[in-house]
C-alpha cells in the first residue's frame, strides 16, 4: 500500500512540474496600449480631410500638371468622339457611366469635379491619391486605387470632353 502511495505522490509531483512557466498574454504594458490606440485613432489632419463625396468640389483643381482648362459652352463633337474611343480603351475596366463598379460611376462627374481635377486625376493619380482630399476620400470609399494612365494631355482632354456628354 505504501508503494502505491509513493508512486501516486511521485506521479503527482511530476505532472505538476511539467509544462514549464506559462507567460500570461492577457496583460499588456502601457506602451503596447498606447501603440494600439495610436493605430486606431485617426490623425487630426485625416479627420479634417473628410470629404462628402456627394457634394461638388468644383473649386479643387487637384494636383498635377493641369492648372487651367477653358471649356466652351458647346461640346466639341469631334473631340468627344475621340474621347469616347479613349474612354473605351482605358477606362471601362474600372468605370461605368451609370453605375458604381470598381471605381465610381462617371455620369455627371463634370458637375461634381472641376475639369482640372478630372484631368489631373487621370494623368497624376498616384500623387492625387496621396495628397488630394477628394481622391483620398474616393480611395477610402472604393478601396481600389486608380491606375496611373499613360495618356497625353490632349488625349485626357478628349476623355474630359466625352465625359461632358454624360451629364
Foldseek 3Di string as FASTA:
>chain_A
DVVVVVVVVVVVVVVVCPDPDDDDPPDDDPVVVVVVVVVVDDDPVLVVLDDDQVAADAVDLFDDDQDDDDDDPDQDVVLLVLLVVVCVVAPVVQEDQPQHGLFGHLQCVVVRYHLNNQLCCQAPVVVRCVDPSNNVNRCVVNVDGDDHDPDDSSNSVSNSSNSVVRD
